[in-house]
Each structure stands twice: as C-alpha cells, then as structure tokens.
Amino acid sequence: MSIDKLEQYRFLKLEKQDLAENIDYYESLLDRLYKRLKRCNNDIEEIENFIVSEDDEIIKQIIKMRFLDNRKWIDVSMALGSSNESYARNLFNRYLKKSNERQQ
C-alpha cells in the first residue's frame, strides 16, 4: 500500500457518499419518469381507443385532423368541403355537447 493510496481514503469516502446520494436521487427521478411515461401511454391509448370506437366518420375525421394532425379549424372545415371556418368546430362542439349530455 502506498502513501498516495492511503491519502485518497478520505476523498474516496466522500465520493462514495456522494455517489450513493446521486444514485438514490436518480433512482427516485427515474421512478417518477417511468410513472409519467406510463400515464402518457395510458392517455394516448385511451384517446386512440376513443377515436377508433367512434361511429360517426365525420366526427372521427374532425378529431384526427384537428387533434392528431394539429390542423387549424379552417383547414379541417375546408377538408370537409366547407369554406366556413366554424363549420367543423360547430359540428365537433355539438357532438361534445350531446356526448356529455348522454354521460350525465
């Protein structure tokens, strides 16, 4: 054993403690990240199942274009054959209102 090695002891003990604390922190962080990822996956699956189960093809297309493709309401309305910007939005809002009334 050398004197250099023995002199490192104190610093090695400090580094060991620091590493252990970092591992605990990152394990906790990793656990939270996995929980968030699981929640995201569950929400995505719920939304996709909702879209697939929708019987009204117009509403399904509105949902896909507006929320999945992030298109503007005017673009969605035009894709549905209307130059009225509020056409698709109004259809969707009426659908939501009826859907919410059925759930209550």
PDB file of N, CA and C in Angstrom:
ATOM      1  N   MET A   1       0.860  -1.180   0.000  1.00  0.00           N
ATOM      2  CA  MET A   1       0.000   0.000   0.000  1.00  0.00           C
ATOM      3  C   MET A   1       0.895   1.228   0.000  1.00  0.00           C
ATOM      4  N   SER A   2       0.540   2.192  -0.834  1.00  0.00           N
ATOM      5  CA  SER A   2       1.360   3.405  -0.911  1.00  0.00           C
ATOM      6  C   SER A   2       0.742   4.537  -0.105  1.00  0.00           C
ATOM      7  N   ILE A   3       1.561   5.524   0.192  1.00  0.00           N
ATOM      8  CA  ILE A   3       1.077   6.703   0.913  1.00  0.00           C
ATOM      9  C   ILE A   3       0.051   7.446   0.057  1.00  0.00           C
ATOM     10  N   ASP A   4       0.271   7.512  -1.235  1.00  0.00           N
ATOM     11  CA  ASP A   4      -0.683   8.180  -2.137  1.00  0.00           C
ATOM     12  C   ASP A   4      -2.060   7.525  -2.053  1.00  0.00           C
ATOM     13  N   LYS A   5      -2.043   6.232  -2.030  1.00  0.00           N
ATOM     14  CA  LYS A   5      -3.311   5.493  -1.945  1.00  0.00           C
ATOM     15  C   LYS A   5      -4.000   5.763  -0.612  1.00  0.00           C
ATOM     16  N   LEU A   6      -3.248   5.723   0.462  1.00  0.00           N
ATOM     17  CA  LEU A   6      -3.791   5.979   1.792  1.00  0.00           C
ATOM     18  C   LEU A   6      -4.335   7.403   1.911  1.00  0.00           C
ATOM     19  N   GLU A   7      -3.683   8.355   1.268  1.00  0.00           N
ATOM     20  CA  GLU A   7      -4.139   9.737   1.315  1.00  0.00           C
ATOM     21  C   GLU A   7      -5.455   9.931   0.552  1.00  0.00           C
ATOM     22  N   GLN A   8      -5.754   9.053  -0.355  1.00  0.00           N
ATOM     23  CA  GLN A   8      -7.004   9.132  -1.123  1.00  0.00           C
ATOM     24  C   GLN A   8      -8.210   8.659  -0.318  1.00  0.00           C
ATOM     25  N   TYR A   9      -7.974   7.978   0.762  1.00  0.00           N
ATOM     26  CA  TYR A   9      -9.052   7.354   1.538  1.00  0.00           C
ATOM     27  C   TYR A   9     -10.164   8.341   1.879  1.00  0.00           C
ATOM     28  N   ARG A  10      -9.785   9.458   2.466  1.00  0.00           N
ATOM     29  CA  ARG A  10     -10.780  10.456   2.870  1.00  0.00           C
ATOM     30  C   ARG A  10     -11.645  10.899   1.689  1.00  0.00           C
ATOM     31  N   PHE A  11     -10.996  11.160   0.567  1.00  0.00           N
ATOM     32  CA  PHE A  11     -11.709  11.638  -0.614  1.00  0.00           C
ATOM     33  C   PHE A  11     -12.563  10.539  -1.249  1.00  0.00           C
ATOM     34  N   LEU A  12     -12.061   9.342  -1.176  1.00  0.00           N
ATOM     35  CA  LEU A  12     -12.836   8.211  -1.687  1.00  0.00           C
ATOM     36  C   LEU A  12     -14.105   8.004  -0.872  1.00  0.00           C
ATOM     37  N   LYS A  13     -14.006   8.157   0.451  1.00  0.00           N
ATOM     38  CA  LYS A  13     -15.192   8.030   1.312  1.00  0.00           C
ATOM     39  C   LYS A  13     -16.212   9.113   0.973  1.00  0.00           C
ATOM     40  N   LEU A  14     -15.753  10.342   0.752  1.00  0.00           N
ATOM     41  CA  LEU A  14     -16.660  11.433   0.372  1.00  0.00           C
ATOM     42  C   LEU A  14     -17.303  11.171  -0.993  1.00  0.00           C
ATOM     43  N   GLU A  15     -16.476  10.694  -1.923  1.00  0.00           N
ATOM     44  CA  GLU A  15     -17.000  10.398  -3.253  1.00  0.00           C
ATOM     45  C   GLU A  15     -18.026   9.264  -3.193  1.00  0.00           C
ATOM     46  N   LYS A  16     -17.735   8.255  -2.383  1.00  0.00           N
ATOM     47  CA  LYS A  16     -18.660   7.129  -2.220  1.00  0.00           C
ATOM     48  C   LYS A  16     -20.004   7.625  -1.690  1.00  0.00           C
ATOM     49  N   GLN A  17     -19.971   8.488  -0.684  1.00  0.00           N
ATOM     50  CA  GLN A  17     -21.212   9.036  -0.117  1.00  0.00           C
ATOM     51  C   GLN A  17     -21.964   9.851  -1.163  1.00  0.00           C
ATOM     52  N   ASP A  18     -21.226  10.670  -1.906  1.00  0.00           N
ATOM     53  CA  ASP A  18     -21.844  11.495  -2.947  1.00  0.00           C
ATOM     54  C   ASP A  18     -22.470  10.627  -4.033  1.00  0.00           C
ATOM     55  N   LEU A  19     -21.780   9.593  -4.442  1.00  0.00           N
ATOM     56  CA  LEU A  19     -22.304   8.689  -5.473  1.00  0.00           C
ATOM     57  C   LEU A  19     -23.572   7.979  -4.993  1.00  0.00           C
ATOM     58  N   ALA A  20     -23.558   7.538  -3.747  1.00  0.00           N
ATOM     59  CA  ALA A  20     -24.729   6.849  -3.185  1.00  0.00           C
ATOM     60  C   ALA A  20     -25.931   7.798  -3.161  1.00  0.00           C
ATOM     61  N   GLU A  21     -25.700   9.050  -2.773  1.00  0.00           N
ATOM     62  CA  GLU A  21     -26.792  10.030  -2.750  1.00  0.00           C
ATOM     63  C   GLU A  21     -27.305  10.303  -4.167  1.00  0.00           C
ATOM     64  N   ASN A  22     -26.380  10.399  -5.121  1.00  0.00           N
ATOM     65  CA  ASN A  22     -26.782  10.624  -6.514  1.00  0.00           C
ATOM     66  C   ASN A  22     -27.590   9.449  -7.053  1.00  0.00           C
ATOM     67  N   ILE A  23     -27.164   8.251  -6.703  1.00  0.00           N
ATOM     68  CA  ILE A  23     -27.898   7.060  -7.153  1.00  0.00           C
ATOM     69  C   ILE A  23     -29.309   7.078  -6.590  1.00  0.00           C
ATOM     70  N   ASP A  24     -29.451   7.387  -5.311  1.00  0.00           N
ATOM     71  CA  ASP A  24     -30.785   7.469  -4.712  1.00  0.00           C
ATOM     72  C   ASP A  24     -31.636   8.524  -5.409  1.00  0.00           C
ATOM     73  N   TYR A  25     -31.040   9.677  -5.673  1.00  0.00           N
ATOM     74  CA  TYR A  25     -31.779  10.759  -6.339  1.00  0.00           C
ATOM     75  C   TYR A  25     -32.220  10.334  -7.735  1.00  0.00           C
ATOM     76  N   TYR A  26     -31.304   9.778  -8.499  1.00  0.00           N
ATOM     77  CA  TYR A  26     -31.630   9.411  -9.878  1.00  0.00           C
ATOM     78  C   TYR A  26     -32.575   8.226  -9.954  1.00  0.00           C
ATOM     79  N   GLU A  27     -32.494   7.317  -8.985  1.00  0.00           N
ATOM     80  CA  GLU A  27     -33.469   6.223  -8.944  1.00  0.00           C
ATOM     81  C   GLU A  27     -34.864   6.772  -8.694  1.00  0.00           C
ATOM     82  N   SER A  28     -34.969   7.743  -7.784  1.00  0.00           N
ATOM     83  CA  SER A  28     -36.249   8.382  -7.499  1.00  0.00           C
ATOM     84  C   SER A  28     -36.752   9.125  -8.733  1.00  0.00           C
ATOM     85  N   LEU A  29     -35.860   9.852  -9.386  1.00  0.00           N
ATOM     86  CA  LEU A  29     -36.220  10.582 -10.599  1.00  0.00           C
ATOM     87  C   LEU A  29     -36.647   9.622 -11.701  1.00  0.00           C
ATOM     88  N   LEU A  30     -35.915   8.556 -11.869  1.00  0.00           N
ATOM     89  CA  LEU A  30     -36.237   7.558 -12.883  1.00  0.00           C
ATOM     90  C   LEU A  30     -37.600   6.933 -12.614  1.00  0.00           C
ATOM     91  N   ASP A  31     -37.901   6.660 -11.354  1.00  0.00           N
ATOM     92  CA  ASP A  31     -39.203   6.116 -10.978  1.00  0.00           C
ATOM     93  C   ASP A  31     -40.316   7.084 -11.362  1.00  0.00           C
ATOM     94  N   ARG A  32     -40.120   8.373 -11.079  1.00  0.00           N
ATOM     95  CA  ARG A  32     -41.129   9.374 -11.447  1.00  0.00           C
ATOM     96  C   ARG A  32     -41.287   9.471 -12.956  1.00  0.00           C
ATOM     97  N   LEU A  33     -40.178   9.384 -13.673  1.00  0.00           N
ATOM     98  CA  LEU A  33     -40.243   9.440 -15.136  1.00  0.00           C
ATOM     99  C   LEU A  33     -40.992   8.238 -15.705  1.00  0.00           C
ATOM    100  N   TYR A  34     -40.746   7.051 -15.156  1.00  0.00           N
ATOM    101  CA  TYR A  34     -41.467   5.869 -15.608  1.00  0.00           C
ATOM    102  C   TYR A  34     -42.961   5.994 -15.341  1.00  0.00           C
ATOM    103  N   LYS A  35     -43.324   6.568 -14.183  1.00  0.00           N
ATOM    104  CA  LYS A  35     -44.742   6.768 -13.879  1.00  0.00           C
ATOM    105  C   LYS A  35     -45.377   7.750 -14.851  1.00  0.00           C
ATOM    106  N   ARG A  36     -44.667   8.825 -15.180  1.00  0.00           N
ATOM    107  CA  ARG A  36     -45.182   9.793 -16.155  1.00  0.00           C
ATOM    108  C   ARG A  36     -45.318   9.159 -17.533  1.00  0.00           C
ATOM    109  N   LEU A  37     -44.324   8.353 -17.919  1.00  0.00           N
ATOM    110  CA  LEU A  37     -44.372   7.667 -19.213  1.00  0.00           C
ATOM    111  C   LEU A  37     -45.569   6.725 -19.272  1.00  0.00           C
ATOM    112  N   LYS A  38     -45.795   5.993 -18.189  1.00  0.00           N
ATOM    113  CA  LYS A  38     -46.934   5.075 -18.137  1.00  0.00           C
ATOM    114  C   LYS A  38     -48.245   5.851 -18.252  1.00  0.00           C
ATOM    115  N   ARG A  39     -48.340   6.980 -17.546  1.00  0.00           N
ATOM    116  CA  ARG A  39     -49.542   7.810 -17.621  1.00  0.00           C
ATOM    117  C   ARG A  39     -49.768   8.335 -19.043  1.00  0.00           C
ATOM    118  N   CYS A  40     -48.682   8.776 -19.691  1.00  0.00           N
ATOM    119  CA  CYS A  40     -48.776   9.247 -21.080  1.00  0.00           C
ATOM    120  C   CYS A  40     -49.254   8.129 -22.001  1.00  0.00           C
ATOM    121  N   ASN A  41     -48.654   6.959 -21.847  1.00  0.00           N
ATOM    122  CA  ASN A  41     -49.052   5.821 -22.679  1.00  0.00           C
ATOM    123  C   ASN A  41     -50.513   5.458 -22.463  1.00  0.00           C
ATOM    124  N   ASN A  42     -50.960   5.481 -21.203  1.00  0.00           N
ATOM    125  CA  ASN A  42     -52.362   5.172 -20.909  1.00  0.00           C
ATOM    126  C   ASN A  42     -53.298   6.197 -21.525  1.00  0.00           C
ATOM    127  N   ASP A  43     -52.932   7.481 -21.426  1.00  0.00           N
ATOM    128  CA  ASP A  43     -53.772   8.533 -22.005  1.00  0.00           C
ATOM    129  C   ASP A  43     -53.813   8.442 -23.519  1.00  0.00           C
ATOM    130  N   ILE A  44     -52.671   8.170 -24.134  1.00  0.00           N
ATOM    131  CA  ILE A  44     -52.622   8.009 -25.589  1.00  0.00           C
ATOM    132  C   ILE A  44     -53.492   6.837 -26.015  1.00  0.00           C
ATOM    133  N   GLU A  45     -53.384   5.734 -25.305  1.00  0.00           N
ATOM    134  CA  GLU A  45     -54.190   4.554 -25.632  1.00  0.00           C
ATOM    135  C   GLU A  45     -55.679   4.851 -25.471  1.00  0.00           C
ATOM    136  N   GLU A  46     -56.039   5.578 -24.414  1.00  0.00           N
ATOM    137  CA  GLU A  46     -57.441   5.938 -24.197  1.00  0.00           C
ATOM    138  C   GLU A  46     -57.971   6.796 -25.353  1.00  0.00           C
ATOM    139  N   ILE A  47     -57.177   7.769 -25.784  1.00  0.00           N
ATOM    140  CA  ILE A  47     -57.589   8.634 -26.887  1.00  0.00           C
ATOM    141  C   ILE A  47     -57.700   7.842 -28.182  1.00  0.00           C
ATOM    142  N   GLU A  48     -56.722   7.003 -28.462  1.00  0.00           N
ATOM    143  CA  GLU A  48     -56.758   6.206 -29.687  1.00  0.00           C
ATOM    144  C   GLU A  48     -57.944   5.250 -29.683  1.00  0.00           C
ATOM    145  N   ASN A  49     -58.235   4.639 -28.548  1.00  0.00           N
ATOM    146  CA  ASN A  49     -59.398   3.748 -28.457  1.00  0.00           C
ATOM    147  C   ASN A  49     -60.694   4.519 -28.658  1.00  0.00           C
ATOM    148  N   PHE A  50     -60.760   5.736 -28.113  1.00  0.00           N
ATOM    149  CA  PHE A  50     -61.936   6.580 -28.300  1.00  0.00           C
ATOM    150  C   PHE A  50     -62.144   6.877 -29.786  1.00  0.00           C
ATOM    151  N   ILE A  51     -61.077   7.237 -30.468  1.00  0.00           N
ATOM    152  CA  ILE A  51     -61.183   7.578 -31.893  1.00  0.00           C
ATOM    153  C   ILE A  51     -61.601   6.362 -32.707  1.00  0.00           C
ATOM    154  N   VAL A  52     -60.978   5.230 -32.442  1.00  0.00           N
ATOM    155  CA  VAL A  52     -61.300   4.009 -33.190  1.00  0.00           C
ATOM    156  C   VAL A  52     -62.743   3.585 -32.953  1.00  0.00           C
ATOM    157  N   SER A  53     -63.233   3.795 -31.736  1.00  0.00           N
ATOM    158  CA  SER A  53     -64.583   3.338 -31.412  1.00  0.00           C
ATOM    159  C   SER A  53     -65.676   4.305 -31.887  1.00  0.00           C
ATOM    160  N   GLU A  54     -65.293   5.486 -32.342  1.00  0.00           N
ATOM    161  CA  GLU A  54     -66.287   6.463 -32.792  1.00  0.00           C
ATOM    162  C   GLU A  54     -66.955   5.979 -34.085  1.00  0.00           C
ATOM    163  N   ASP A  55     -68.276   5.970 -34.076  1.00  0.00           N
ATOM    164  CA  ASP A  55     -69.042   5.501 -35.232  1.00  0.00           C
ATOM    165  C   ASP A  55     -69.229   6.570 -36.295  1.00  0.00           C
ATOM    166  N   ASP A  56     -69.307   7.817 -35.893  1.00  0.00           N
ATOM    167  CA  ASP A  56     -69.541   8.927 -36.822  1.00  0.00           C
ATOM    168  C   ASP A  56     -68.231   9.255 -37.541  1.00  0.00           C
ATOM    169  N   GLU A  57     -68.172   8.927 -38.816  1.00  0.00           N
ATOM    170  CA  GLU A  57     -66.933   9.097 -39.578  1.00  0.00           C
ATOM    171  C   GLU A  57     -66.534  10.563 -39.728  1.00  0.00           C
ATOM    172  N   ILE A  58     -67.502  11.457 -39.812  1.00  0.00           N
ATOM    173  CA  ILE A  58     -67.175  12.880 -39.930  1.00  0.00           C
ATOM    174  C   ILE A  58     -66.505  13.353 -38.641  1.00  0.00           C
ATOM    175  N   ILE A  59     -67.094  12.998 -37.526  1.00  0.00           N
ATOM    176  CA  ILE A  59     -66.511  13.372 -36.233  1.00  0.00           C
ATOM    177  C   ILE A  59     -65.130  12.745 -36.087  1.00  0.00           C
ATOM    178  N   LYS A  60     -64.999  11.509 -36.494  1.00  0.00           N
ATOM    179  CA  LYS A  60     -63.703  10.827 -36.417  1.00  0.00           C
ATOM    180  C   LYS A  60     -62.650  11.582 -37.239  1.00  0.00           C
ATOM    181  N   GLN A  61     -63.042  12.025 -38.441  1.00  0.00           N
ATOM    182  CA  GLN A  61     -62.108  12.774 -39.287  1.00  0.00           C
ATOM    183  C   GLN A  61     -61.783  14.138 -38.688  1.00  0.00           C
ATOM    184  N   ILE A  62     -62.785  14.780 -38.109  1.00  0.00           N
ATOM    185  CA  ILE A  62     -62.541  16.065 -37.453  1.00  0.00           C
ATOM    186  C   ILE A  62     -61.536  15.888 -36.322  1.00  0.00           C
ATOM    187  N   ILE A  63     -61.741  14.883 -35.496  1.00  0.00           N
ATOM    188  CA  ILE A  63     -60.836  14.630 -34.373  1.00  0.00           C
ATOM    189  C   ILE A  63     -59.425  14.348 -34.877  1.00  0.00           C
ATOM    190  N   LYS A  64     -59.310  13.501 -35.882  1.00  0.00           N
ATOM    191  CA  LYS A  64     -57.986  13.166 -36.415  1.00  0.00           C
ATOM    192  C   LYS A  64     -57.285  14.397 -36.969  1.00  0.00           C
ATOM    193  N   MET A  65     -58.002  15.152 -37.815  1.00  0.00           N
ATOM    194  CA  MET A  65     -57.361  16.302 -38.447  1.00  0.00           C
ATOM    195  C   MET A  65     -56.995  17.389 -37.434  1.00  0.00           C
ATOM    196  N   ARG A  66     -57.930  17.687 -36.543  1.00  0.00           N
ATOM    197  CA  ARG A  66     -57.709  18.797 -35.609  1.00  0.00           C
ATOM    198  C   ARG A  66     -56.739  18.428 -34.494  1.00  0.00           C
ATOM    199  N   PHE A  67     -56.912  17.287 -33.886  1.00  0.00           N
ATOM    200  CA  PHE A  67     -56.151  16.972 -32.681  1.00  0.00           C
ATOM    201  C   PHE A  67     -54.942  16.071 -32.919  1.00  0.00           C
ATOM    202  N   LEU A  68     -55.018  15.179 -33.892  1.00  0.00           N
ATOM    203  CA  LEU A  68     -53.855  14.332 -34.164  1.00  0.00           C
ATOM    204  C   LEU A  68     -52.904  14.996 -35.158  1.00  0.00           C
ATOM    205  N   ASP A  69     -53.489  15.612 -36.199  1.00  0.00           N
ATOM    206  CA  ASP A  69     -52.662  16.263 -37.220  1.00  0.00           C
ATOM    207  C   ASP A  69     -52.399  17.727 -36.906  1.00  0.00           C
ATOM    208  N   ASN A  70     -53.048  18.253 -35.857  1.00  0.00           N
ATOM    209  CA  ASN A  70     -52.864  19.638 -35.401  1.00  0.00           C
ATOM    210  C   ASN A  70     -53.179  20.665 -36.493  1.00  0.00           C
ATOM    211  N   ARG A  71     -54.219  20.383 -37.246  1.00  0.00           N
ATOM    212  CA  ARG A  71     -54.626  21.310 -38.309  1.00  0.00           C
ATOM    213  C   ARG A  71     -55.545  22.378 -37.736  1.00  0.00           C
ATOM    214  N   LYS A  72     -55.573  23.518 -38.381  1.00  0.00           N
ATOM    215  CA  LYS A  72     -56.444  24.615 -37.964  1.00  0.00           C
ATOM    216  C   LYS A  72     -57.881  24.277 -38.333  1.00  0.00           C
ATOM    217  N   TRP A  73     -58.815  24.919 -37.599  1.00  0.00           N
ATOM    218  CA  TRP A  73     -60.234  24.654 -37.847  1.00  0.00           C
ATOM    219  C   TRP A  73     -60.610  24.963 -39.288  1.00  0.00           C
ATOM    220  N   ILE A  74     -60.074  26.032 -39.852  1.00  0.00           N
ATOM    221  CA  ILE A  74     -60.405  26.373 -41.245  1.00  0.00           C
ATOM    222  C   ILE A  74     -59.946  25.268 -42.190  1.00  0.00           C
ATOM    223  N   ASP A  75     -58.784  24.686 -41.921  1.00  0.00           N
ATOM    224  CA  ASP A  75     -58.281  23.594 -42.762  1.00  0.00           C
ATOM    225  C   ASP A  75     -59.161  22.355 -42.643  1.00  0.00           C
ATOM    226  N   VAL A  76     -59.621  22.087 -41.432  1.00  0.00           N
ATOM    227  CA  VAL A  76     -60.499  20.941 -41.217  1.00  0.00           C
ATOM    228  C   VAL A  76     -61.823  21.175 -41.940  1.00  0.00           C
ATOM    229  N   SER A  77     -62.367  22.375 -41.798  1.00  0.00           N
ATOM    230  CA  SER A  77     -63.636  22.694 -42.471  1.00  0.00           C
ATOM    231  C   SER A  77     -63.495  22.584 -43.983  1.00  0.00           C
ATOM    232  N   MET A  78     -62.399  23.094 -44.508  1.00  0.00           N
ATOM    233  CA  MET A  78     -62.193  23.026 -45.961  1.00  0.00           C
ATOM    234  C   MET A  78     -62.024  21.579 -46.422  1.00  0.00           C
ATOM    235  N   ALA A  79     -61.355  20.763 -45.636  1.00  0.00           N
ATOM    236  CA  ALA A  79     -61.202  19.349 -45.998  1.00  0.00           C
ATOM    237  C   ALA A  79     -62.552  18.648 -46.011  1.00  0.00           C
ATOM    238  N   LEU A  80     -63.499  19.159 -45.220  1.00  0.00           N
ATOM    239  CA  LEU A  80     -64.843  18.586 -45.186  1.00  0.00           C
ATOM    240  C   LEU A  80     -65.754  19.218 -46.225  1.00  0.00           C
ATOM    241  N   GLY A  81     -65.225  20.158 -47.007  1.00  0.00           N
ATOM    242  CA  GLY A  81     -65.986  20.742 -48.096  1.00  0.00           C
ATOM    243  C   GLY A  81     -66.665  22.053 -47.784  1.00  0.00           C
ATOM    244  N   SER A  82     -66.298  22.697 -46.702  1.00  0.00           N
ATOM    245  CA  SER A  82     -66.918  23.972 -46.349  1.00  0.00           C
ATOM    246  C   SER A  82     -65.840  25.047 -46.239  1.00  0.00           C
ATOM    247  N   SER A  83     -66.175  26.237 -46.726  1.00  0.00           N
ATOM    248  CA  SER A  83     -65.236  27.358 -46.604  1.00  0.00           C
ATOM    249  C   SER A  83     -65.502  28.152 -45.324  1.00  0.00           C
ATOM    250  N   ASN A  84     -66.517  27.724 -44.572  1.00  0.00           N
ATOM    251  CA  ASN A  84     -66.858  28.377 -43.311  1.00  0.00           C
ATOM    252  C   ASN A  84     -65.940  27.824 -42.218  1.00  0.00           C
ATOM    253  N   GLU A  85     -65.128  28.706 -41.650  1.00  0.00           N
ATOM    254  CA  GLU A  85     -64.139  28.283 -40.649  1.00  0.00           C
ATOM    255  C   GLU A  85     -64.770  27.584 -39.456  1.00  0.00           C
ATOM    256  N   SER A  86     -65.966  27.983 -39.089  1.00  0.00           N
ATOM    257  CA  SER A  86     -66.586  27.422 -37.882  1.00  0.00           C
ATOM    258  C   SER A  86     -67.373  26.133 -38.149  1.00  0.00           C
ATOM    259  N   TYR A  87     -67.457  25.702 -39.391  1.00  0.00           N
ATOM    260  CA  TYR A  87     -68.243  24.513 -39.729  1.00  0.00           C
ATOM    261  C   TYR A  87     -67.800  23.285 -38.928  1.00  0.00           C
ATOM    262  N   ALA A  88     -66.533  22.932 -39.027  1.00  0.00           N
ATOM    263  CA  ALA A  88     -66.028  21.736 -38.336  1.00  0.00           C
ATOM    264  C   ALA A  88     -66.070  21.930 -36.824  1.00  0.00           C
ATOM    265  N   ARG A  89     -65.719  23.124 -36.378  1.00  0.00           N
ATOM    266  CA  ARG A  89     -65.728  23.398 -34.940  1.00  0.00           C
ATOM    267  C   ARG A  89     -67.140  23.275 -34.378  1.00  0.00           C
ATOM    268  N   ASN A  90     -68.134  23.815 -35.101  1.00  0.00           N
ATOM    269  CA  ASN A  90     -69.520  23.721 -34.641  1.00  0.00           C
ATOM    270  C   ASN A  90     -70.003  22.276 -34.608  1.00  0.00           C
ATOM    271  N   LEU A  91     -69.663  21.509 -35.635  1.00  0.00           N
ATOM    272  CA  LEU A  91     -70.036  20.086 -35.639  1.00  0.00           C
ATOM    273  C   LEU A  91     -69.431  19.380 -34.428  1.00  0.00           C
ATOM    274  N   PHE A  92     -68.171  19.641 -34.186  1.00  0.00           N
ATOM    275  CA  PHE A  92     -67.485  18.992 -33.075  1.00  0.00           C
ATOM    276  C   PHE A  92     -68.062  19.432 -31.736  1.00  0.00           C
ATOM    277  N   ASN A  93     -68.325  20.723 -31.570  1.00  0.00           N
ATOM    278  CA  ASN A  93     -68.893  21.218 -30.312  1.00  0.00           C
ATOM    279  C   ASN A  93     -70.280  20.635 -30.054  1.00  0.00           C
ATOM    280  N   ARG A  94     -71.096  20.510 -31.090  1.00  0.00           N
ATOM    281  CA  ARG A  94     -72.415  19.880 -30.927  1.00  0.00           C
ATOM    282  C   ARG A  94     -72.261  18.415 -30.533  1.00  0.00           C
ATOM    283  N   TYR A  95     -71.322  17.754 -31.159  1.00  0.00           N
ATOM    284  CA  TYR A  95     -71.043  16.356 -30.822  1.00  0.00           C
ATOM    285  C   TYR A  95     -70.644  16.237 -29.353  1.00  0.00           C
ATOM    286  N   LEU A  96     -69.727  17.097 -28.893  1.00  0.00           N
ATOM    287  CA  LEU A  96     -69.291  17.055 -27.495  1.00  0.00           C
ATOM    288  C   LEU A  96     -70.448  17.324 -26.540  1.00  0.00           C
ATOM    289  N   LYS A  97     -71.281  18.290 -26.892  1.00  0.00           N
ATOM    290  CA  LYS A  97     -72.410  18.625 -26.035  1.00  0.00           C
ATOM    291  C   LYS A  97     -73.352  17.425 -25.907  1.00  0.00           C
ATOM    292  N   LYS A  98     -73.680  16.796 -27.032  1.00  0.00           N
ATOM    293  CA  LYS A  98     -74.557  15.608 -26.995  1.00  0.00           C
ATOM    294  C   LYS A  98     -73.897  14.471 -26.229  1.00  0.00           C
ATOM    295  N   SER A  99     -72.615  14.301 -26.441  1.00  0.00           N
ATOM    296  CA  SER A  99     -71.884  13.226 -25.761  1.00  0.00           C
ATOM    297  C   SER A  99     -71.882  13.450 -24.255  1.00  0.00           C
ATOM    298  N   ASN A 100     -71.665  14.676 -23.836  1.00  0.00           N
ATOM    299  CA  ASN A 100     -71.670  14.986 -22.399  1.00  0.00           C
ATOM    300  C   ASN A 100     -73.058  14.825 -21.789  1.00  0.00           C
ATOM    301  N   GLU A 101     -74.096  15.179 -22.538  1.00  0.00           N
ATOM    302  CA  GLU A 101     -75.465  15.019 -22.045  1.00  0.00           C
ATOM    303  C   GLU A 101     -75.793  13.545 -21.865  1.00  0.00           C
ATOM    304  N   ARG A 102     -75.313  12.688 -22.763  1.00  0.00           N
ATOM    305  CA  ARG A 102     -75.556  11.249 -22.654  1.00  0.00           C
ATOM    306  C   ARG A 102     -74.856  10.651 -21.442  1.00  0.00           C
ATOM    307  N   GLN A 103     -73.705  11.193 -21.113  1.00  0.00           N
ATOM    308  CA  GLN A 103     -72.925  10.649 -19.999  1.00  0.00           C
ATOM    309  C   GLN A 103     -73.501  11.052 -18.645  1.00  0.00           C
ATOM    310  N   GLN A 104     -74.283  12.104 -18.604  1.00  0.00           N
ATOM    311  CA  GLN A 104     -74.832  12.557 -17.316  1.00  0.00           C
ATOM    312  C   GLN A 104     -76.059  11.841 -16.947  1.00  0.00           C
TER     313      GLN A 104
END
